[in-house]
């Protein structure tokens, strides 16, 4: 696939329905450096590999769990824990901090440097966890035993890793803090753990000079591309040109990097902290000013953009209704000051039309050395099974600075179905799990270090587990096992029972 170098400026035309015509003109300008040629749409099934390969599972960002969990006692228990090293940001994991969990195919497993004892284990399943200590750890799901040596990235990692959607031994890792003086994102070969690519986040092409990558990249298994957003405000499309030979135990890439920068009318805050979501031809992201933008990956032109509300770090979740993608998203209280509203919205993903909007008054700590936002920092759950009519949001600093709220909204109307006041707020995203009958439960961790099991149908707390330290990271679940880390410097394997 040829990638041109010509820089092209795209202006979004105004011409949508009356309800969204003003919003359609929100994008003032956009520009590519190393503009990519048109790509294939994202596949309907993000991956055919068993597991949770990136933040919230894949392109729609709606699958933080894999398989089913049969819950009888509602008493989760710790089955293993691992203490990490430490950096200037401590150890364990912070926001978003979700692990990847992958059941490797036997062919790929034989090609990697996994310890010999695990190579012959049936259904070997590996946890890949990036830590604030600057390392990526590799652990066996059921026991927590190290399966290979950690990768020493060198900078604290706040975001979530991504494994190639083809099941190739290729790993994306973004960096969160420039502790060693540089910052960017990386691709590593999991055959020998060598770095194959580093992209510097400090880029003169960007409008913003902060180069962190908290977002979890998407791999398109049909066209061999990687998509990710940076806190520098750039939208990246990387043609990987991957060659993988499991018999010879070789993996190589010849990456070509395309970068898109944009300006939104009324929004001077570039910076993409959420993980790009995708459906078909369209990729979606929000930014630090609260604008939303849809990019067409076939044409590499913007499809639509919305004007700013407030900082939006939580990842957009996509669900199709009759073939039309709808987006579920929520804002923080940041630019509004010490008090404001978290706006929860459902949006037509083809046009940017707001279907419904709900708002909740929240508090925020602004200014000083440690500003801390309220509102929606947790990625919402778009229900399945017996809660397929509900979208569930976790809201921080509702009612008081230390408290929070979970609300379930009807997908059609945006009206509340239930609410659960929280004694401690949460930035950790709720993880929806389902039993074999389709009954849904939420695994919600909070800033007080408690992991709760909640009925997704009615918001009733069924059981809990105390880990003793603030949990900002989001759990991933594979069948009966949940994996999550705290700010207390530990990674945990938890059995759901």
Protein backbone atom coordinates (compact mmCIF):
# COMPACT_ATOMS: atom_id res chain seq x y z
CA UNK A 1 0.00 0.00 0.00
CA UNK A 2 1.54 3.30 -1.08
CA UNK A 3 1.55 6.16 1.41
CA UNK A 4 1.95 9.63 -0.07
CA UNK A 5 3.95 12.40 1.57
CA UNK A 6 1.87 15.27 0.28
CA UNK A 7 0.29 17.41 3.00
CA UNK A 8 -3.40 18.02 2.49
CA UNK A 9 -5.72 20.35 4.39
CA UNK A 10 -9.30 19.18 4.87
CA UNK A 11 -12.12 21.52 5.79
CA UNK A 12 -15.24 19.79 7.05
CA UNK A 13 -18.23 20.81 4.97
CA UNK A 14 -21.38 22.10 6.62
CA UNK A 15 -24.37 20.25 5.30
CA UNK A 16 -25.77 17.77 7.81
CA UNK A 17 -29.26 17.79 9.27
CA UNK A 18 -30.43 20.99 10.96
CA UNK A 19 -29.87 19.57 14.43
CA UNK A 20 -26.19 19.03 13.77
CA UNK A 21 -25.37 21.56 11.06
CA UNK A 22 -23.66 23.98 13.44
CA UNK A 23 -21.74 21.12 14.99
CA UNK A 24 -20.62 19.88 11.58
CA UNK A 25 -18.65 23.06 11.15
CA UNK A 26 -16.83 22.66 14.46
CA UNK A 27 -13.69 21.37 12.74
CA UNK A 28 -11.82 24.47 11.57
CA UNK A 29 -8.96 22.69 9.84
CA UNK A 30 -7.09 19.43 9.62
CA UNK A 31 -3.75 18.45 8.15
CA UNK A 32 -1.76 15.27 7.54
CA UNK A 33 1.98 14.74 7.72
CA UNK A 34 2.82 11.59 5.81
CA UNK A 35 -0.81 11.18 4.79
CA UNK A 36 -1.71 7.47 4.53
CA UNK A 37 -3.46 5.95 1.55
CA UNK A 38 -7.02 4.80 2.16
CA UNK A 39 -7.28 1.72 4.34
CA UNK A 40 -9.79 -1.08 4.82
CA UNK A 41 -12.63 -0.71 7.27
CA UNK A 42 -12.24 -2.29 10.69
CA UNK A 43 -13.62 -5.85 10.72
CA UNK A 44 -16.91 -6.57 12.45
CA UNK A 45 -15.07 -8.93 14.79
CA UNK A 46 -11.98 -7.13 16.07
CA UNK A 47 -10.06 -10.37 16.69
CA UNK A 48 -10.46 -14.13 16.49
CA UNK A 49 -8.09 -14.65 19.43
CA UNK A 50 -9.41 -15.60 22.87
CA UNK A 51 -8.87 -12.84 25.40
CA UNK A 52 -8.92 -9.10 26.03
CA UNK A 53 -6.23 -7.78 23.70
CA UNK A 54 -6.44 -4.05 24.46
CA UNK A 55 -8.31 -1.51 26.53
CA UNK A 56 -11.93 -2.66 26.70
CA UNK A 57 -11.22 -5.45 24.27
CA UNK A 58 -11.30 -4.00 20.76
CA UNK A 59 -12.57 -1.43 18.32
CA UNK A 60 -15.95 -0.83 19.91
CA UNK A 61 -14.30 -0.64 23.37
CA UNK A 62 -17.17 -2.67 24.80
CA UNK A 63 -15.56 -6.00 25.76
CA UNK A 64 -13.42 -5.76 28.93
CA UNK A 65 -14.26 -9.39 29.73
CA UNK A 66 -13.96 -12.63 27.77
CA UNK A 67 -16.01 -15.77 28.31
CA UNK A 68 -18.49 -16.25 31.15
CA UNK A 69 -18.28 -16.14 34.93
CA UNK A 70 -20.62 -18.24 37.05
CA UNK A 71 -21.17 -16.24 40.24
CA UNK A 72 -22.69 -18.04 43.22
CA UNK A 73 -21.26 -16.56 46.43
CA UNK A 74 -20.44 -13.07 45.09
CA UNK A 75 -17.30 -13.14 47.22
CA UNK A 76 -14.28 -12.45 45.02
CA UNK A 77 -11.01 -13.62 46.50
CA UNK A 78 -7.35 -12.91 45.84
CA UNK A 79 -5.60 -15.94 44.36
CA UNK A 80 -2.28 -14.26 43.62
CA UNK A 81 -0.53 -10.94 43.92
CA UNK A 82 2.69 -9.51 42.61
CA UNK A 83 4.60 -6.55 43.97
CA UNK A 84 6.10 -4.30 41.33
CA UNK A 85 9.11 -2.03 41.47
CA UNK A 86 8.64 1.73 41.79
CA UNK A 87 9.23 4.98 39.91
CA UNK A 88 8.57 8.64 40.64
CA UNK A 89 4.90 7.72 40.23
CA UNK A 90 5.11 4.63 42.43
CA UNK A 91 4.29 1.11 41.31
CA UNK A 92 1.27 -1.00 40.54
CA UNK A 93 -0.90 0.72 37.95
CA UNK A 94 -2.86 3.95 37.61
CA UNK A 95 -5.52 5.23 35.22
CA UNK A 96 -6.28 3.49 32.84
CA UNK A 97 -3.94 0.61 33.64
CA UNK A 98 -5.88 -2.34 32.23
CA UNK A 99 -3.93 -5.53 31.45
CA UNK A 100 -4.20 -7.53 28.27
CA UNK A 101 -5.11 -11.19 28.69
CA UNK A 102 -4.43 -13.50 25.76
CA UNK A 103 -4.69 -17.24 25.12
CA UNK A 104 -1.94 -17.72 22.57
CA UNK A 105 -2.28 -20.22 19.75
CA UNK A 106 0.14 -23.17 20.09
CA UNK A 107 2.03 -22.08 16.96
CA UNK A 108 2.67 -18.57 18.28
CA UNK A 109 3.41 -19.82 21.79
CA UNK A 110 6.22 -22.02 20.46
CA UNK A 111 7.78 -19.00 18.73
CA UNK A 112 8.01 -16.83 21.86
CA UNK A 113 10.45 -16.72 24.75
CA UNK A 114 7.89 -17.95 27.28
CA UNK A 115 9.39 -20.22 29.96
CA UNK A 116 9.56 -23.84 28.92
CA UNK A 117 7.16 -25.08 31.63
CA UNK A 118 4.31 -23.04 30.12
CA UNK A 119 4.84 -24.10 26.52
CA UNK A 120 3.19 -27.47 27.04
CA UNK A 121 0.41 -26.23 29.31
CA UNK A 122 -3.01 -26.71 27.72
CA UNK A 123 -4.87 -23.44 27.12
CA UNK A 124 -1.98 -21.37 28.44
CA UNK A 125 -3.28 -17.86 29.06
CA UNK A 126 -0.96 -14.92 29.69
CA UNK A 127 -1.52 -11.63 31.48
CA UNK A 128 0.46 -8.67 30.10
CA UNK A 129 0.50 -5.77 32.55
CA UNK A 130 2.23 -2.40 32.12
CA UNK A 131 3.13 -0.68 35.37
CA UNK A 132 3.83 2.78 36.72
CA UNK A 133 7.29 1.42 37.55
CA UNK A 134 8.18 1.50 33.83
CA UNK A 135 8.07 -2.26 33.27
CA UNK A 136 5.72 -4.59 31.41
CA UNK A 137 5.10 -7.83 33.32
CA UNK A 138 4.13 -11.24 31.95
CA UNK A 139 2.18 -13.54 34.26
CA UNK A 140 0.24 -16.79 34.08
CA UNK A 141 -3.46 -16.02 34.55
CA UNK A 142 -4.39 -18.58 37.18
CA UNK A 143 -1.26 -18.49 39.36
CA UNK A 144 0.40 -15.12 38.73
CA UNK A 145 3.73 -16.84 38.13
CA UNK A 146 6.06 -14.89 35.84
CA UNK A 147 6.06 -16.44 32.37
CA UNK A 148 9.07 -14.46 31.10
CA UNK A 149 11.23 -11.55 32.13
CA UNK A 150 9.67 -8.06 32.20
CA UNK A 151 10.25 -5.52 29.45
CA UNK A 152 11.95 -2.46 30.91
CA UNK A 153 10.40 0.43 28.99
CA UNK A 154 12.07 3.06 31.16
CA UNK A 155 9.22 5.52 31.68
CA UNK A 156 6.14 5.18 33.92
CA UNK A 157 3.22 3.70 31.98
CA UNK A 158 -0.25 4.96 32.83
CA UNK A 159 -2.23 3.56 29.94
CA UNK A 160 -3.08 0.06 28.73
CA UNK A 161 -1.10 -2.17 26.38
CA UNK A 162 -2.43 -3.66 23.13
CA UNK A 163 -1.65 -7.02 21.54
CA UNK A 164 -1.84 -7.39 17.75
CA UNK A 165 -5.41 -8.39 16.84
CA UNK A 166 -4.11 -11.18 14.58
CA UNK A 167 -2.60 -12.90 17.60
CA UNK A 168 0.87 -12.03 16.36
CA UNK A 169 3.52 -11.57 19.07
CA UNK A 170 3.53 -7.78 18.61
CA UNK A 171 2.89 -5.47 21.58
CA UNK A 172 2.03 -1.77 21.75
CA UNK A 173 3.12 0.18 24.85
CA UNK A 174 2.53 3.90 25.40
CA UNK A 175 4.49 5.97 27.92
CA UNK A 176 2.90 8.29 30.46
CA UNK A 177 5.63 10.34 32.13
CA UNK A 178 9.01 11.45 30.66
CA UNK A 179 11.06 10.25 33.62
CA UNK A 180 14.08 9.47 31.42
CA UNK A 181 13.75 12.73 29.45
CA UNK A 182 11.94 11.34 26.41
CA UNK A 183 8.39 10.15 25.87
CA UNK A 184 6.44 8.37 23.13
CA UNK A 185 4.99 4.99 22.14
CA UNK A 186 6.66 1.70 21.29
CA UNK A 187 6.16 -1.60 19.52
CA UNK A 188 7.91 -4.71 20.87
CA UNK A 189 8.41 -8.18 19.43
CA UNK A 190 7.26 -10.79 21.94
CA UNK A 191 9.50 -13.36 20.29
CA UNK A 192 12.55 -11.83 21.96
CA UNK A 193 11.09 -8.68 23.61
CA UNK A 194 13.15 -6.35 21.43
CA UNK A 195 11.77 -2.94 20.53
CA UNK A 196 10.87 -2.64 16.86
CA UNK A 197 9.57 0.95 16.79
CA UNK A 198 9.65 4.06 18.91
CA UNK A 199 7.65 7.16 17.98
CA UNK A 200 8.60 10.33 19.81
CA UNK A 201 5.58 12.14 21.26
CA UNK A 202 7.38 15.49 21.31
CA UNK A 203 6.73 16.49 17.73
CA UNK A 204 7.10 19.88 16.04
CA UNK A 205 4.13 19.01 13.82
CA UNK A 206 1.83 18.86 16.86
CA UNK A 207 0.05 21.89 18.26
CA UNK A 208 0.70 20.67 21.80
CA UNK A 209 4.07 19.97 23.38
CA UNK A 210 3.07 17.18 25.78
CA UNK A 211 4.00 13.78 24.33
CA UNK A 212 2.36 11.12 26.53
CA UNK A 213 0.34 8.17 25.23
CA UNK A 214 -2.32 6.95 27.65
CA UNK A 215 -4.50 5.56 24.87
CA UNK A 216 -4.46 1.88 23.90
CA UNK A 217 -3.80 1.37 20.18
CA UNK A 218 -6.06 -0.48 17.74
CA UNK A 219 -4.67 -3.02 15.28
CA UNK A 220 -6.62 -3.57 12.06
CA UNK A 221 -5.98 -7.22 11.20
CA UNK A 222 -7.28 -6.77 7.65
CA UNK A 223 -4.88 -4.07 6.46
CA UNK A 224 -1.91 -4.35 8.84
CA UNK A 225 -2.33 -0.89 10.39
CA UNK A 226 -2.16 0.59 13.86
CA UNK A 227 -4.31 3.52 15.03
CA UNK A 228 -3.72 5.56 18.19
CA UNK A 229 -4.22 9.07 19.55
CA UNK A 230 -1.56 11.06 21.41
CA UNK A 231 -1.75 13.65 24.15
CA UNK A 232 0.11 15.88 21.71
CA UNK A 233 -3.19 16.11 19.83
CA UNK A 234 -2.09 13.96 16.90
CA UNK A 235 -4.11 11.10 15.42
CA UNK A 236 -1.71 8.39 14.18
CA UNK A 237 -2.20 5.85 11.40
CA UNK A 238 0.78 3.51 11.03
CA UNK A 239 1.17 1.07 8.15
CA UNK A 240 3.17 -1.72 9.77
CA UNK A 241 4.25 -3.89 6.80
CA UNK A 242 4.54 -6.86 9.15
CA UNK A 243 6.34 -10.09 8.32
CA UNK A 244 5.86 -12.94 10.82
CA UNK A 245 7.24 -16.46 10.44
CA UNK A 246 6.43 -18.58 13.52
CA UNK A 247 8.48 -21.54 12.28
CA UNK A 248 11.62 -19.43 11.96
CA UNK A 249 10.68 -17.40 15.04
CA UNK A 250 11.05 -14.09 13.22
CA UNK A 251 8.95 -10.94 13.31
CA UNK A 252 9.75 -7.68 11.54
CA UNK A 253 7.95 -4.48 10.62
CA UNK A 254 8.68 -1.66 8.16
CA UNK A 255 6.47 1.06 9.61
CA UNK A 256 5.29 4.14 7.74
CA UNK A 257 3.81 6.71 10.11
CA UNK A 258 1.02 9.13 9.19
CA UNK A 259 -0.02 11.91 11.58
CA UNK A 260 -3.13 14.10 11.53
CA UNK A 261 -3.51 17.38 13.42
CA UNK A 262 -6.70 19.37 13.73
CA UNK A 263 -8.24 22.52 15.16
CA UNK A 264 -11.76 22.75 16.54
CA UNK A 265 -13.57 26.09 16.67
CA UNK A 266 -13.73 27.33 20.26
CA UNK A 267 -11.35 24.63 21.50
CA UNK A 268 -7.72 25.42 22.24
CA UNK A 269 -7.07 22.16 24.09
CA UNK A 270 -5.58 19.48 21.87
CA UNK A 271 -4.72 16.21 23.55
CA UNK A 272 -6.20 12.72 23.13
CA UNK A 273 -6.06 10.73 26.38
CA UNK A 274 -8.80 8.24 25.55
CA UNK A 275 -8.37 5.14 23.42
CA UNK A 276 -9.57 5.57 19.84
CA UNK A 277 -12.77 3.61 19.16
CA UNK A 278 -13.77 2.31 15.74
CA UNK A 279 -16.65 0.88 13.77
CA UNK A 280 -16.46 0.06 10.08
CA UNK A 281 -14.95 2.99 8.18
CA UNK A 282 -14.99 5.35 11.17
CA UNK A 283 -12.59 5.94 14.05
CA UNK A 284 -13.71 8.09 16.99
CA UNK A 285 -11.92 10.08 19.67
CA UNK A 286 -12.49 12.97 22.08
CA UNK A 287 -9.99 15.48 23.40
CA UNK A 288 -9.00 17.59 26.39
CA UNK A 289 -11.35 20.37 25.34
CA UNK A 290 -14.31 18.00 25.04
CA UNK A 291 -14.68 17.94 21.26
CA UNK A 292 -15.47 14.69 19.46
CA UNK A 293 -14.14 13.86 16.02
CA UNK A 294 -14.92 11.04 13.60
CA UNK A 295 -12.27 10.09 11.02
CA UNK A 296 -13.00 8.01 7.93
CA UNK A 297 -10.11 5.52 7.66
CA UNK A 298 -10.86 4.75 4.00
CA UNK A 299 -10.58 8.34 2.81
CA UNK A 300 -8.53 9.73 5.75
CA UNK A 301 -10.90 12.68 5.87
CA UNK A 302 -12.94 13.77 8.89
CA UNK A 303 -16.59 12.69 8.77
CA UNK A 304 -17.84 15.10 11.43
CA UNK A 305 -16.78 16.95 14.56
CA UNK A 306 -18.58 18.31 17.62
CA UNK A 307 -17.78 21.53 19.46
CA UNK A 308 -16.26 21.34 22.96
CA UNK A 309 -18.13 20.68 26.21
CA UNK A 310 -15.40 19.78 28.74
CA UNK A 311 -12.35 17.56 28.97
CA UNK A 312 -13.19 14.03 27.83
CA UNK A 313 -10.66 11.39 28.82
CA UNK A 314 -12.99 8.40 29.18
CA UNK A 315 -13.02 6.23 26.07
CA UNK A 316 -16.03 6.33 23.74
CA UNK A 317 -18.00 3.08 23.53
CA UNK A 318 -19.71 2.10 20.26
CA UNK A 319 -22.75 -0.09 19.71
CA UNK A 320 -24.55 -0.71 16.44
CA UNK A 321 -28.33 -0.55 16.13
CA UNK A 322 -29.64 -1.83 12.80
CA UNK A 323 -26.21 -1.24 11.30
CA UNK A 324 -25.90 2.34 12.61
CA UNK A 325 -23.11 2.95 15.16
CA UNK A 326 -24.09 4.89 18.27
CA UNK A 327 -21.57 6.38 20.67
CA UNK A 328 -21.81 6.54 24.46
CA UNK A 329 -19.58 9.13 26.08
CA UNK A 330 -19.24 11.32 29.17
CA UNK A 331 -17.29 14.44 30.13
CA UNK A 332 -15.31 15.54 33.17
CA UNK A 333 -15.66 18.69 35.22
CA UNK A 334 -12.38 20.41 34.39
CA UNK A 335 -12.59 23.57 32.30
CA UNK A 336 -15.84 24.44 34.11
CA UNK A 337 -13.97 25.02 37.37
CA UNK A 338 -14.67 23.76 40.89
CA UNK A 339 -18.26 22.87 40.09
CA UNK A 340 -19.99 21.96 36.87
CA UNK A 341 -21.80 19.22 35.02
CA UNK A 342 -20.70 15.85 33.71
CA UNK A 343 -22.55 15.45 30.41
CA UNK A 344 -23.54 11.90 29.45
CA UNK A 345 -24.49 11.50 25.81
CA UNK A 346 -25.63 9.09 23.14
CA UNK A 347 -24.54 10.22 19.68
CA UNK A 348 -25.29 9.01 16.16
CA UNK A 349 -21.88 7.83 14.96
CA UNK A 350 -22.63 8.54 11.29
CA UNK A 351 -23.65 12.19 11.66
CA UNK A 352 -22.67 13.44 15.12
CA UNK A 353 -26.32 14.08 16.02
CA UNK A 354 -26.87 14.01 19.78
CA UNK A 355 -29.65 11.50 20.45
CA UNK A 356 -29.96 12.30 24.16
CA UNK A 357 -28.03 14.01 26.90
CA UNK A 358 -28.12 13.76 30.70
CA UNK A 359 -26.16 15.94 33.10
CA UNK A 360 -24.96 15.45 36.68
CA UNK A 361 -23.46 18.17 38.85
CA UNK A 362 -19.97 17.27 40.10
CA UNK A 363 -17.04 18.84 41.91
CA UNK A 364 -13.41 19.23 40.91
CA UNK A 365 -10.14 20.29 42.52
CA UNK A 366 -8.55 22.86 40.22
CA UNK A 367 -5.25 24.71 40.36
CA UNK A 368 -2.35 23.99 42.69
CA UNK A 369 0.13 21.17 42.36
CA UNK A 370 -2.43 18.36 42.27
CA UNK A 371 -5.64 19.23 40.43
CA UNK A 372 -8.06 16.30 40.44
CA UNK A 373 -11.13 16.23 38.22
CA UNK A 374 -14.61 14.96 38.86
CA UNK A 375 -17.18 13.73 36.39
CA UNK A 376 -16.76 10.79 34.03
CA UNK A 377 -13.23 9.37 33.91
CA UNK A 378 -14.39 5.74 33.79
CA UNK A 379 -15.34 4.26 30.43
CA UNK A 380 -19.04 3.33 30.43
CA UNK A 381 -20.57 -0.13 30.06
CA UNK A 382 -22.94 -0.68 27.15
CA UNK A 383 -25.00 -3.59 28.39
CA UNK A 384 -25.52 -6.99 26.82
CA UNK A 385 -27.53 -10.04 27.87
CA UNK A 386 -30.24 -9.17 30.39
CA UNK A 387 -29.07 -5.53 30.47
CA UNK A 388 -28.99 -4.95 26.71
CA UNK A 389 -31.31 -1.97 27.23
CA UNK A 390 -28.94 -0.12 29.60
CA UNK A 391 -25.82 2.05 29.40
CA UNK A 392 -24.04 2.32 32.76
CA UNK A 393 -21.83 5.25 33.78
CA UNK A 394 -19.58 5.76 36.81
CA UNK A 395 -19.34 9.41 37.91
CA UNK A 396 -16.62 10.77 40.22
CA UNK A 397 -16.97 13.48 42.88
CA UNK A 398 -20.75 13.54 42.83
CA UNK A 399 -22.33 15.01 45.98
CA UNK A 400 -18.96 15.59 47.64
CA UNK A 401 -15.29 15.49 46.67
CA UNK A 402 -14.85 11.97 48.01
CA UNK A 403 -18.08 10.40 46.80
CA UNK A 404 -19.41 9.13 43.49
CA UNK A 405 -22.39 7.72 41.67
CA UNK A 406 -23.20 4.91 39.27
CA UNK A 407 -26.21 5.36 37.01
CA UNK A 408 -27.87 3.06 34.50
CA UNK A 409 -29.57 4.93 31.67
CA UNK A 410 -32.08 3.56 29.21
CA UNK A 411 -30.35 3.34 25.84
CA UNK A 412 -33.38 4.63 23.94
CA UNK A 413 -34.40 7.54 26.15
CA UNK A 414 -31.46 8.39 28.43
CA UNK A 415 -33.74 8.14 31.46
CA UNK A 416 -32.42 6.63 34.68
CA UNK A 417 -33.21 2.98 35.31
CA UNK A 418 -31.29 2.85 38.60
CA UNK A 419 -28.65 4.72 40.58
CA UNK A 420 -26.09 3.58 43.13
CA UNK A 421 -24.53 6.22 45.42
CA UNK A 422 -20.85 5.46 46.11
CA UNK A 423 -19.07 6.32 49.36
CA UNK A 424 -15.81 6.55 47.41
CA UNK A 425 -15.56 7.86 43.86
CA UNK A 426 -14.04 5.81 41.05
CA UNK A 427 -11.90 6.48 38.01
CA UNK A 428 -11.64 2.73 37.40
CA UNK A 429 -13.96 1.60 34.62
CA UNK A 430 -16.74 -0.85 35.49
CA UNK A 431 -16.19 -4.23 33.87
CA UNK A 432 -19.29 -6.11 32.76
CA UNK A 433 -19.26 -9.89 33.09
CA UNK A 434 -22.03 -12.36 32.24
CA UNK A 435 -22.94 -15.85 33.33
CA UNK A 436 -24.00 -18.58 30.91
CA UNK A 437 -27.65 -17.47 31.15
CA UNK A 438 -26.80 -13.89 30.14
CA UNK A 439 -27.24 -12.28 33.55
CA UNK A 440 -24.89 -9.32 33.83
CA UNK A 441 -22.73 -8.17 36.74
CA UNK A 442 -20.39 -5.21 37.16
CA UNK A 443 -16.93 -5.41 38.69
CA UNK A 444 -16.35 -1.89 40.01
CA UNK A 445 -13.16 -0.83 41.81
CA UNK A 446 -12.97 2.49 43.66
CA UNK A 447 -10.60 5.03 45.18
CA UNK A 448 -10.98 3.41 48.59
CA UNK A 449 -9.45 0.18 47.31
CA UNK A 450 -12.67 -1.84 47.28
CA UNK A 451 -13.70 -4.12 44.39
CA UNK A 452 -17.48 -4.58 44.34
CA UNK A 453 -19.66 -7.08 42.52
CA UNK A 454 -22.88 -5.33 41.46
CA UNK A 455 -26.01 -6.63 39.78
CA UNK A 456 -26.14 -4.82 36.44
CA UNK A 457 -29.92 -5.21 36.28
CA UNK A 458 -30.78 -3.28 39.44
CA UNK A 459 -27.53 -1.76 40.83
CA UNK A 460 -27.56 -3.89 43.99
CA UNK A 461 -24.14 -4.56 45.56
CA UNK A 462 -23.84 -8.34 45.97
CA UNK A 463 -20.32 -8.64 47.42
CA UNK A 464 -16.94 -6.94 47.71
CA UNK A 465 -13.21 -7.35 48.29
CA UNK A 466 -10.87 -4.81 49.92
CA UNK A 467 -7.39 -4.42 48.37
CA UNK A 468 -6.32 -1.64 50.75
CA UNK A 469 -5.15 1.04 48.30
CA UNK A 470 -6.67 3.35 45.69
CA UNK A 471 -7.59 1.53 42.48
CA UNK A 472 -7.53 3.77 39.42
CA UNK A 473 -6.77 0.96 36.97
CA UNK A 474 -9.53 -0.93 35.16
CA UNK A 475 -9.96 -4.71 35.53
CA UNK A 476 -9.90 -7.18 32.67
CA UNK A 477 -11.68 -10.52 33.08
CA UNK A 478 -11.12 -13.91 31.46
CA UNK A 479 -13.80 -16.42 32.50
CA UNK A 480 -13.66 -16.61 36.33
CA UNK A 481 -10.48 -14.54 36.72
CA UNK A 482 -10.24 -10.77 37.09
CA UNK A 483 -6.88 -8.98 37.01
CA UNK A 484 -6.38 -5.46 38.35
CA UNK A 485 -3.67 -3.37 40.02
CA UNK A 486 -3.75 -0.71 42.71
CA UNK A 487 -1.72 2.41 43.40
CA UNK A 488 -0.33 0.44 46.34
CA UNK A 489 2.30 -1.20 44.15
CA UNK A 490 0.68 -4.57 43.51
CA UNK A 491 -0.95 -6.53 40.71
CA UNK A 492 -3.77 -8.88 41.72
CA UNK A 493 -5.36 -12.02 40.34
CA UNK A 494 -8.92 -12.33 41.65
CA UNK A 495 -11.21 -15.36 41.41
CA UNK A 496 -14.87 -14.50 40.85
CA UNK A 497 -17.07 -16.95 42.73
